[in-house]
Amino acid sequence: MKMIPLFISTPELMIVGLVVILVFGSDKLPEIARGLGKAMKTVRNATDDIKNEITKSADEHGFTKDVKEITKQIEQVKDQIEDSGSIKRKF
């Protein structure tokens, strides 16, 4: 999984944390964190279920071999572009 930089510095995170504490109070923070954790777990499980269903359907219809071949060709093109040096990545 590729991480996307958020460009949020430590002082900005501290300000956000302070605002959260002021709005919700320190006694509610554990409940909020627990709720966010459960929500993230639910989203992750749902995403995994969807991926599994798509993979299962692709296997049933014989698309897995085609997808692997296309992925291989895409990687070859990426390697050729990187070797040529004509396109520079800005990451």
PDB file of N, CA and C in Angstrom:
ATOM      1  N   MET A   1       0.848  -1.167   0.000  1.00  0.00           N
ATOM      2  CA  MET A   1       0.000   0.000   0.000  1.00  0.00           C
ATOM      3  C   MET A   1       0.894   1.230   0.000  1.00  0.00           C
ATOM      4  N   LYS A   2       0.552   2.159  -0.845  1.00  0.00           N
ATOM      5  CA  LYS A   2       1.340   3.364  -0.987  1.00  0.00           C
ATOM      6  C   LYS A   2       0.784   4.451  -0.073  1.00  0.00           C
ATOM      7  N   MET A   3       1.658   5.094   0.680  1.00  0.00           N
ATOM      8  CA  MET A   3       1.235   6.161   1.580  1.00  0.00           C
ATOM      9  C   MET A   3       1.239   7.493   0.847  1.00  0.00           C
ATOM     10  N   ILE A   4       0.223   8.283   1.083  1.00  0.00           N
ATOM     11  CA  ILE A   4       0.129   9.606   0.497  1.00  0.00           C
ATOM     12  C   ILE A   4       0.561  10.613   1.559  1.00  0.00           C
ATOM     13  N   PRO A   5       1.544  11.460   1.245  1.00  0.00           N
ATOM     14  CA  PRO A   5       1.967  12.440   2.246  1.00  0.00           C
ATOM     15  C   PRO A   5       0.853  13.448   2.516  1.00  0.00           C
ATOM     16  N   LEU A   6       0.649  13.753   3.783  1.00  0.00           N
ATOM     17  CA  LEU A   6      -0.421  14.667   4.157  1.00  0.00           C
ATOM     18  C   LEU A   6       0.079  16.081   4.417  1.00  0.00           C
ATOM     19  N   PHE A   7       1.382  16.264   4.533  1.00  0.00           N
ATOM     20  CA  PHE A   7       1.983  17.563   4.763  1.00  0.00           C
ATOM     21  C   PHE A   7       1.439  18.236   6.018  1.00  0.00           C
ATOM     22  N   ILE A   8       1.273  17.471   7.076  1.00  0.00           N
ATOM     23  CA  ILE A   8       0.840  18.007   8.363  1.00  0.00           C
ATOM     24  C   ILE A   8       2.031  17.895   9.309  1.00  0.00           C
ATOM     25  N   SER A   9       2.441  19.027   9.867  1.00  0.00           N
ATOM     26  CA  SER A   9       3.599  19.024  10.748  1.00  0.00           C
ATOM     27  C   SER A   9       3.181  18.743  12.192  1.00  0.00           C
ATOM     28  N   THR A  10       4.167  18.536  13.036  1.00  0.00           N
ATOM     29  CA  THR A  10       3.911  18.231  14.445  1.00  0.00           C
ATOM     30  C   THR A  10       3.157  19.354  15.168  1.00  0.00           C
ATOM     31  N   PRO A  11       3.544  20.618  14.986  1.00  0.00           N
ATOM     32  CA  PRO A  11       2.772  21.674  15.669  1.00  0.00           C
ATOM     33  C   PRO A  11       1.296  21.705  15.238  1.00  0.00           C
ATOM     34  N   GLU A  12       1.039  21.452  13.972  1.00  0.00           N
ATOM     35  CA  GLU A  12      -0.347  21.423  13.510  1.00  0.00           C
ATOM     36  C   GLU A  12      -1.115  20.272  14.149  1.00  0.00           C
ATOM     37  N   LEU A  13      -0.473  19.110  14.288  1.00  0.00           N
ATOM     38  CA  LEU A  13      -1.114  17.974  14.956  1.00  0.00           C
ATOM     39  C   LEU A  13      -1.383  18.287  16.424  1.00  0.00           C
ATOM     40  N   MET A  14      -0.462  19.005  17.065  1.00  0.00           N
ATOM     41  CA  MET A  14      -0.663  19.365  18.467  1.00  0.00           C
ATOM     42  C   MET A  14      -1.848  20.323  18.614  1.00  0.00           C
ATOM     43  N   ILE A  15      -1.992  21.243  17.680  1.00  0.00           N
ATOM     44  CA  ILE A  15      -3.123  22.174  17.723  1.00  0.00           C
ATOM     45  C   ILE A  15      -4.435  21.420  17.533  1.00  0.00           C
ATOM     46  N   VAL A  16      -4.456  20.500  16.588  1.00  0.00           N
ATOM     47  CA  VAL A  16      -5.660  19.684  16.376  1.00  0.00           C
ATOM     48  C   VAL A  16      -5.980  18.891  17.632  1.00  0.00           C
ATOM     49  N   GLY A  17      -4.975  18.295  18.256  1.00  0.00           N
ATOM     50  CA  GLY A  17      -5.190  17.548  19.496  1.00  0.00           C
ATOM     51  C   GLY A  17      -5.733  18.421  20.609  1.00  0.00           C
ATOM     52  N   LEU A  18      -5.207  19.621  20.728  1.00  0.00           N
ATOM     53  CA  LEU A  18      -5.687  20.551  21.744  1.00  0.00           C
ATOM     54  C   LEU A  18      -7.143  20.926  21.516  1.00  0.00           C
ATOM     55  N   VAL A  19      -7.499  21.178  20.256  1.00  0.00           N
ATOM     56  CA  VAL A  19      -8.889  21.517  19.922  1.00  0.00           C
ATOM     57  C   VAL A  19      -9.810  20.343  20.252  1.00  0.00           C
ATOM     58  N   VAL A  20      -9.372  19.136  19.936  1.00  0.00           N
ATOM     59  CA  VAL A  20     -10.185  17.951  20.239  1.00  0.00           C
ATOM     60  C   VAL A  20     -10.399  17.828  21.744  1.00  0.00           C
ATOM     61  N   ILE A  21      -9.348  18.036  22.509  1.00  0.00           N
ATOM     62  CA  ILE A  21      -9.478  17.957  23.969  1.00  0.00           C
ATOM     63  C   ILE A  21     -10.427  19.036  24.484  1.00  0.00           C
ATOM     64  N   LEU A  22     -10.317  20.244  23.937  1.00  0.00           N
ATOM     65  CA  LEU A  22     -11.191  21.335  24.378  1.00  0.00           C
ATOM     66  C   LEU A  22     -12.653  21.080  24.018  1.00  0.00           C
ATOM     67  N   VAL A  23     -12.884  20.518  22.852  1.00  0.00           N
ATOM     68  CA  VAL A  23     -14.257  20.298  22.393  1.00  0.00           C
ATOM     69  C   VAL A  23     -14.899  19.113  23.116  1.00  0.00           C
ATOM     70  N   PHE A  24     -14.191  17.994  23.190  1.00  0.00           N
ATOM     71  CA  PHE A  24     -14.793  16.777  23.723  1.00  0.00           C
ATOM     72  C   PHE A  24     -14.473  16.526  25.191  1.00  0.00           C
ATOM     73  N   GLY A  25     -13.398  17.081  25.684  1.00  0.00           N
ATOM     74  CA  GLY A  25     -13.002  16.821  27.056  1.00  0.00           C
ATOM     75  C   GLY A  25     -12.136  15.579  27.138  1.00  0.00           C
ATOM     76  N   SER A  26     -11.249  15.566  28.122  1.00  0.00           N
ATOM     77  CA  SER A  26     -10.295  14.460  28.231  1.00  0.00           C
ATOM     78  C   SER A  26     -10.961  13.145  28.634  1.00  0.00           C
ATOM     79  N   ASP A  27     -12.121  13.212  29.291  1.00  0.00           N
ATOM     80  CA  ASP A  27     -12.775  11.967  29.709  1.00  0.00           C
ATOM     81  C   ASP A  27     -13.449  11.249  28.544  1.00  0.00           C
ATOM     82  N   LYS A  28     -13.765  11.948  27.466  1.00  0.00           N
ATOM     83  CA  LYS A  28     -14.424  11.331  26.306  1.00  0.00           C
ATOM     84  C   LYS A  28     -13.438  10.818  25.256  1.00  0.00           C
ATOM     85  N   LEU A  29     -12.170  11.215  25.348  1.00  0.00           N
ATOM     86  CA  LEU A  29     -11.189  10.825  24.332  1.00  0.00           C
ATOM     87  C   LEU A  29     -11.036   9.307  24.176  1.00  0.00           C
ATOM     88  N   PRO A  30     -10.950   8.526  25.269  1.00  0.00           N
ATOM     89  CA  PRO A  30     -10.832   7.074  25.078  1.00  0.00           C
ATOM     90  C   PRO A  30     -12.026   6.478  24.327  1.00  0.00           C
ATOM     91  N   GLU A  31     -13.236   6.983  24.619  1.00  0.00           N
ATOM     92  CA  GLU A  31     -14.422   6.489  23.919  1.00  0.00           C
ATOM     93  C   GLU A  31     -14.366   6.832  22.431  1.00  0.00           C
ATOM     94  N   ILE A  32     -13.936   8.048  22.131  1.00  0.00           N
ATOM     95  CA  ILE A  32     -13.830   8.479  20.733  1.00  0.00           C
ATOM     96  C   ILE A  32     -12.787   7.647  20.006  1.00  0.00           C
ATOM     97  N   ALA A  33     -11.643   7.441  20.628  1.00  0.00           N
ATOM     98  CA  ALA A  33     -10.584   6.642  20.010  1.00  0.00           C
ATOM     99  C   ALA A  33     -11.048   5.205  19.784  1.00  0.00           C
ATOM    100  N   ARG A  34     -11.758   4.646  20.749  1.00  0.00           N
ATOM    101  CA  ARG A  34     -12.278   3.285  20.613  1.00  0.00           C
ATOM    102  C   ARG A  34     -13.266   3.204  19.456  1.00  0.00           C
ATOM    103  N   GLY A  35     -14.144   4.193  19.365  1.00  0.00           N
ATOM    104  CA  GLY A  35     -15.117   4.226  18.275  1.00  0.00           C
ATOM    105  C   GLY A  35     -14.450   4.354  16.914  1.00  0.00           C
ATOM    106  N   LEU A  36     -13.417   5.217  16.829  1.00  0.00           N
ATOM    107  CA  LEU A  36     -12.686   5.356  15.574  1.00  0.00           C
ATOM    108  C   LEU A  36     -11.974   4.059  15.195  1.00  0.00           C
ATOM    109  N   GLY A  37     -11.409   3.392  16.183  1.00  0.00           N
ATOM    110  CA  GLY A  37     -10.742   2.115  15.925  1.00  0.00           C
ATOM    111  C   GLY A  37     -11.703   1.065  15.407  1.00  0.00           C
ATOM    112  N   LYS A  38     -12.889   0.987  16.009  1.00  0.00           N
ATOM    113  CA  LYS A  38     -13.899   0.031  15.542  1.00  0.00           C
ATOM    114  C   LYS A  38     -14.360   0.372  14.130  1.00  0.00           C
ATOM    115  N   ALA A  39     -14.529   1.663  13.857  1.00  0.00           N
ATOM    116  CA  ALA A  39     -14.955   2.083  12.525  1.00  0.00           C
ATOM    117  C   ALA A  39     -13.898   1.734  11.479  1.00  0.00           C
ATOM    118  N   MET A  40     -12.631   1.980  11.811  1.00  0.00           N
ATOM    119  CA  MET A  40     -11.553   1.642  10.879  1.00  0.00           C
ATOM    120  C   MET A  40     -11.484   0.139  10.636  1.00  0.00           C
ATOM    121  N   LYS A  41     -11.695  -0.647  11.689  1.00  0.00           N
ATOM    122  CA  LYS A  41     -11.673  -2.100  11.543  1.00  0.00           C
ATOM    123  C   LYS A  41     -12.826  -2.565  10.658  1.00  0.00           C
ATOM    124  N   THR A  42     -14.002  -1.963  10.832  1.00  0.00           N
ATOM    125  CA  THR A  42     -15.158  -2.320  10.014  1.00  0.00           C
ATOM    126  C   THR A  42     -14.908  -1.996   8.544  1.00  0.00           C
ATOM    127  N   VAL A  43     -14.348  -0.811   8.289  1.00  0.00           N
ATOM    128  CA  VAL A  43     -14.045  -0.428   6.907  1.00  0.00           C
ATOM    129  C   VAL A  43     -13.009  -1.367   6.305  1.00  0.00           C
ATOM    130  N   ARG A  44     -11.981  -1.709   7.077  1.00  0.00           N
ATOM    131  CA  ARG A  44     -10.941  -2.616   6.584  1.00  0.00           C
ATOM    132  C   ARG A  44     -11.532  -3.994   6.262  1.00  0.00           C
ATOM    133  N   ASN A  45     -12.390  -4.498   7.149  1.00  0.00           N
ATOM    134  CA  ASN A  45     -13.014  -5.800   6.902  1.00  0.00           C
ATOM    135  C   ASN A  45     -13.913  -5.761   5.668  1.00  0.00           C
ATOM    136  N   ALA A  46     -14.666  -4.679   5.510  1.00  0.00           N
ATOM    137  CA  ALA A  46     -15.536  -4.552   4.339  1.00  0.00           C
ATOM    138  C   ALA A  46     -14.704  -4.492   3.059  1.00  0.00           C
ATOM    139  N   THR A  47     -13.603  -3.758   3.103  1.00  0.00           N
ATOM    140  CA  THR A  47     -12.725  -3.666   1.936  1.00  0.00           C
ATOM    141  C   THR A  47     -12.136  -5.036   1.596  1.00  0.00           C
ATOM    142  N   ASP A  48     -11.701  -5.762   2.612  1.00  0.00           N
ATOM    143  CA  ASP A  48     -11.159  -7.107   2.380  1.00  0.00           C
ATOM    144  C   ASP A  48     -12.222  -8.029   1.791  1.00  0.00           C
ATOM    145  N   ASP A  49     -13.454  -7.938   2.289  1.00  0.00           N
ATOM    146  CA  ASP A  49     -14.536  -8.758   1.752  1.00  0.00           C
ATOM    147  C   ASP A  49     -14.788  -8.445   0.281  1.00  0.00           C
ATOM    148  N   ILE A  50     -14.793  -7.163  -0.065  1.00  0.00           N
ATOM    149  CA  ILE A  50     -15.010  -6.768  -1.460  1.00  0.00           C
ATOM    150  C   ILE A  50     -13.882  -7.282  -2.340  1.00  0.00           C
ATOM    151  N   LYS A  51     -12.632  -7.138  -1.875  1.00  0.00           N
ATOM    152  CA  LYS A  51     -11.491  -7.641  -2.649  1.00  0.00           C
ATOM    153  C   LYS A  51     -11.598  -9.147  -2.856  1.00  0.00           C
ATOM    154  N   ASN A  52     -11.985  -9.869  -1.798  1.00  0.00           N
ATOM    155  CA  ASN A  52     -12.113 -11.319  -1.910  1.00  0.00           C
ATOM    156  C   ASN A  52     -13.210 -11.707  -2.898  1.00  0.00           C
ATOM    157  N   GLU A  53     -14.326 -10.990  -2.874  1.00  0.00           N
ATOM    158  CA  GLU A  53     -15.419 -11.277  -3.815  1.00  0.00           C
ATOM    159  C   GLU A  53     -14.990 -11.009  -5.253  1.00  0.00           C
ATOM    160  N   ILE A  54     -14.280  -9.929  -5.473  1.00  0.00           N
ATOM    161  CA  ILE A  54     -13.813  -9.609  -6.826  1.00  0.00           C
ATOM    162  C   ILE A  54     -12.831 -10.668  -7.300  1.00  0.00           C
ATOM    163  N   THR A  55     -11.902 -11.065  -6.426  1.00  0.00           N
ATOM    164  CA  THR A  55     -10.920 -12.085  -6.781  1.00  0.00           C
ATOM    165  C   THR A  55     -11.608 -13.417  -7.072  1.00  0.00           C
ATOM    166  N   LYS A  56     -12.573 -13.773  -6.233  1.00  0.00           N
ATOM    167  CA  LYS A  56     -13.303 -15.033  -6.421  1.00  0.00           C
ATOM    168  C   LYS A  56     -14.062 -15.015  -7.743  1.00  0.00           C
ATOM    169  N   SER A  57     -14.711 -13.909  -8.046  1.00  0.00           N
ATOM    170  CA  SER A  57     -15.458 -13.787  -9.296  1.00  0.00           C
ATOM    171  C   SER A  57     -14.517 -13.845 -10.502  1.00  0.00           C
ATOM    172  N   ALA A  58     -13.364 -13.177 -10.384  1.00  0.00           N
ATOM    173  CA  ALA A  58     -12.385 -13.200 -11.479  1.00  0.00           C
ATOM    174  C   ALA A  58     -11.869 -14.615 -11.694  1.00  0.00           C
ATOM    175  N   ASP A  59     -11.636 -15.350 -10.615  1.00  0.00           N
ATOM    176  CA  ASP A  59     -11.174 -16.736 -10.736  1.00  0.00           C
ATOM    177  C   ASP A  59     -12.234 -17.609 -11.411  1.00  0.00           C
ATOM    178  N   GLU A  60     -13.500 -17.400 -11.035  1.00  0.00           N
ATOM    179  CA  GLU A  60     -14.578 -18.201 -11.615  1.00  0.00           C
ATOM    180  C   GLU A  60     -14.732 -17.949 -13.110  1.00  0.00           C
ATOM    181  N   HIS A  61     -14.489 -16.715 -13.539  1.00  0.00           N
ATOM    182  CA  HIS A  61     -14.673 -16.380 -14.951  1.00  0.00           C
ATOM    183  C   HIS A  61     -13.377 -16.460 -15.749  1.00  0.00           C
ATOM    184  N   GLY A  62     -12.279 -16.835 -15.104  1.00  0.00           N
ATOM    185  CA  GLY A  62     -11.016 -17.029 -15.814  1.00  0.00           C
ATOM    186  C   GLY A  62     -10.266 -15.754 -16.137  1.00  0.00           C
ATOM    187  N   PHE A  63     -10.513 -14.686 -15.393  1.00  0.00           N
ATOM    188  CA  PHE A  63      -9.845 -13.421 -15.677  1.00  0.00           C
ATOM    189  C   PHE A  63      -8.500 -13.290 -14.969  1.00  0.00           C
ATOM    190  N   THR A  64      -8.225 -14.139 -14.022  1.00  0.00           N
ATOM    191  CA  THR A  64      -7.017 -14.009 -13.213  1.00  0.00           C
ATOM    192  C   THR A  64      -5.763 -14.059 -14.078  1.00  0.00           C
ATOM    193  N   LYS A  65      -5.726 -14.982 -15.022  1.00  0.00           N
ATOM    194  CA  LYS A  65      -4.565 -15.103 -15.911  1.00  0.00           C
ATOM    195  C   LYS A  65      -4.386 -13.843 -16.749  1.00  0.00           C
ATOM    196  N   ASP A  66      -5.490 -13.291 -17.252  1.00  0.00           N
ATOM    197  CA  ASP A  66      -5.422 -12.068 -18.057  1.00  0.00           C
ATOM    198  C   ASP A  66      -4.929 -10.888 -17.229  1.00  0.00           C
ATOM    199  N   VAL A  67      -5.423 -10.777 -16.005  1.00  0.00           N
ATOM    200  CA  VAL A  67      -5.020  -9.677 -15.130  1.00  0.00           C
ATOM    201  C   VAL A  67      -3.531  -9.775 -14.823  1.00  0.00           C
ATOM    202  N   LYS A  68      -3.044 -10.977 -14.557  1.00  0.00           N
ATOM    203  CA  LYS A  68      -1.618 -11.149 -14.261  1.00  0.00           C
ATOM    204  C   LYS A  68      -0.769 -10.768 -15.470  1.00  0.00           C
ATOM    205  N   GLU A  69      -1.204 -11.128 -16.665  1.00  0.00           N
ATOM    206  CA  GLU A  69      -0.467 -10.796 -17.885  1.00  0.00           C
ATOM    207  C   GLU A  69      -0.456  -9.280 -18.112  1.00  0.00           C
ATOM    208  N   ILE A  70      -1.585  -8.628 -17.905  1.00  0.00           N
ATOM    209  CA  ILE A  70      -1.654  -7.172 -18.076  1.00  0.00           C
ATOM    210  C   ILE A  70      -0.778  -6.475 -17.034  1.00  0.00           C
ATOM    211  N   THR A  71      -0.821  -6.955 -15.797  1.00  0.00           N
ATOM    212  CA  THR A  71       0.009  -6.378 -14.736  1.00  0.00           C
ATOM    213  C   THR A  71       1.487  -6.529 -15.070  1.00  0.00           C
ATOM    214  N   LYS A  72       1.856  -7.678 -15.606  1.00  0.00           N
ATOM    215  CA  LYS A  72       3.248  -7.913 -15.999  1.00  0.00           C
ATOM    216  C   LYS A  72       3.673  -6.941 -17.098  1.00  0.00           C
ATOM    217  N   GLN A  73       2.811  -6.723 -18.078  1.00  0.00           N
ATOM    218  CA  GLN A  73       3.126  -5.797 -19.167  1.00  0.00           C
ATOM    219  C   GLN A  73       3.230  -4.357 -18.657  1.00  0.00           C
ATOM    220  N   ILE A  74       2.366  -3.988 -17.727  1.00  0.00           N
ATOM    221  CA  ILE A  74       2.425  -2.637 -17.153  1.00  0.00           C
ATOM    222  C   ILE A  74       3.744  -2.435 -16.417  1.00  0.00           C
ATOM    223  N   GLU A  75       4.175  -3.434 -15.662  1.00  0.00           N
ATOM    224  CA  GLU A  75       5.443  -3.334 -14.946  1.00  0.00           C
ATOM    225  C   GLU A  75       6.612  -3.215 -15.912  1.00  0.00           C
ATOM    226  N   GLN A  76       6.554  -3.926 -17.035  1.00  0.00           N
ATOM    227  CA  GLN A  76       7.618  -3.822 -18.028  1.00  0.00           C
ATOM    228  C   GLN A  76       7.685  -2.416 -18.613  1.00  0.00           C
ATOM    229  N   VAL A  77       6.542  -1.831 -18.902  1.00  0.00           N
ATOM    230  CA  VAL A  77       6.517  -0.466 -19.439  1.00  0.00           C
ATOM    231  C   VAL A  77       7.056   0.516 -18.407  1.00  0.00           C
ATOM    232  N   LYS A  78       6.664   0.349 -17.137  1.00  0.00           N
ATOM    233  CA  LYS A  78       7.183   1.219 -16.072  1.00  0.00           C
ATOM    234  C   LYS A  78       8.700   1.131 -16.000  1.00  0.00           C
ATOM    235  N   ASP A  79       9.230  -0.095 -16.074  1.00  0.00           N
ATOM    236  CA  ASP A  79      10.680  -0.277 -16.016  1.00  0.00           C
ATOM    237  C   ASP A  79      11.367   0.400 -17.198  1.00  0.00           C
ATOM    238  N   GLN A  80      10.789   0.289 -18.385  1.00  0.00           N
ATOM    239  CA  GLN A  80      11.366   0.924 -19.570  1.00  0.00           C
ATOM    240  C   GLN A  80      11.370   2.446 -19.431  1.00  0.00           C
ATOM    241  N   ILE A  81      10.292   2.987 -18.890  1.00  0.00           N
ATOM    242  CA  ILE A  81      10.216   4.443 -18.708  1.00  0.00           C
ATOM    243  C   ILE A  81      11.251   4.896 -17.687  1.00  0.00           C
ATOM    244  N   GLU A  82      11.385   4.172 -16.586  1.00  0.00           N
ATOM    245  CA  GLU A  82      12.362   4.538 -15.560  1.00  0.00           C
ATOM    246  C   GLU A  82      13.787   4.407 -16.087  1.00  0.00           C
ATOM    247  N   ASP A  83      14.056   3.392 -16.919  1.00  0.00           N
ATOM    248  CA  ASP A  83      15.392   3.205 -17.476  1.00  0.00           C
ATOM    249  C   ASP A  83      15.744   4.306 -18.470  1.00  0.00           C
ATOM    250  N   SER A  84      14.731   4.784 -19.199  1.00  0.00           N
ATOM    251  CA  SER A  84      15.014   5.816 -20.203  1.00  0.00           C
ATOM    252  C   SER A  84      15.335   7.148 -19.549  1.00  0.00           C
ATOM    253  N   GLY A  85      14.786   7.388 -18.370  1.00  0.00           N
ATOM    254  CA  GLY A  85      15.077   8.615 -17.652  1.00  0.00           C
ATOM    255  C   GLY A  85      14.354   9.829 -18.211  1.00  0.00           C
ATOM    256  N   SER A  86      13.466   9.626 -19.172  1.00  0.00           N
ATOM    257  CA  SER A  86      12.809  10.760 -19.793  1.00  0.00           C
ATOM    258  C   SER A  86      11.694  11.324 -18.916  1.00  0.00           C
ATOM    259  N   ILE A  87      11.174  10.511 -18.006  1.00  0.00           N
ATOM    260  CA  ILE A  87      10.127  10.958 -17.114  1.00  0.00           C
ATOM    261  C   ILE A  87      10.647  10.841 -15.689  1.00  0.00           C
ATOM    262  N   LYS A  88      10.682  11.942 -15.002  1.00  0.00           N
ATOM    263  CA  LYS A  88      11.164  11.947 -13.623  1.00  0.00           C
ATOM    264  C   LYS A  88       9.993  12.000 -12.678  1.00  0.00           C
ATOM    265  N   ARG A  89      10.044  11.193 -11.649  1.00  0.00           N
ATOM    266  CA  ARG A  89       9.004  11.210 -10.634  1.00  0.00           C
ATOM    267  C   ARG A  89       9.298  12.302  -9.632  1.00  0.00           C
ATOM    268  N   LYS A  90       8.247  12.928  -9.100  1.00  0.00           N
ATOM    269  CA  LYS A  90       8.421  14.034  -8.167  1.00  0.00           C
ATOM    270  C   LYS A  90       8.168  13.623  -6.727  1.00  0.00           C
ATOM    271  N   PHE A  91       8.279  12.349  -6.400  1.00  0.00           N
ATOM    272  CA  PHE A  91       8.012  11.890  -5.039  1.00  0.00           C
ATOM    273  C   PHE A  91       9.234  11.933  -4.204  1.00  0.00           C
TER     274      PHE A  91
END
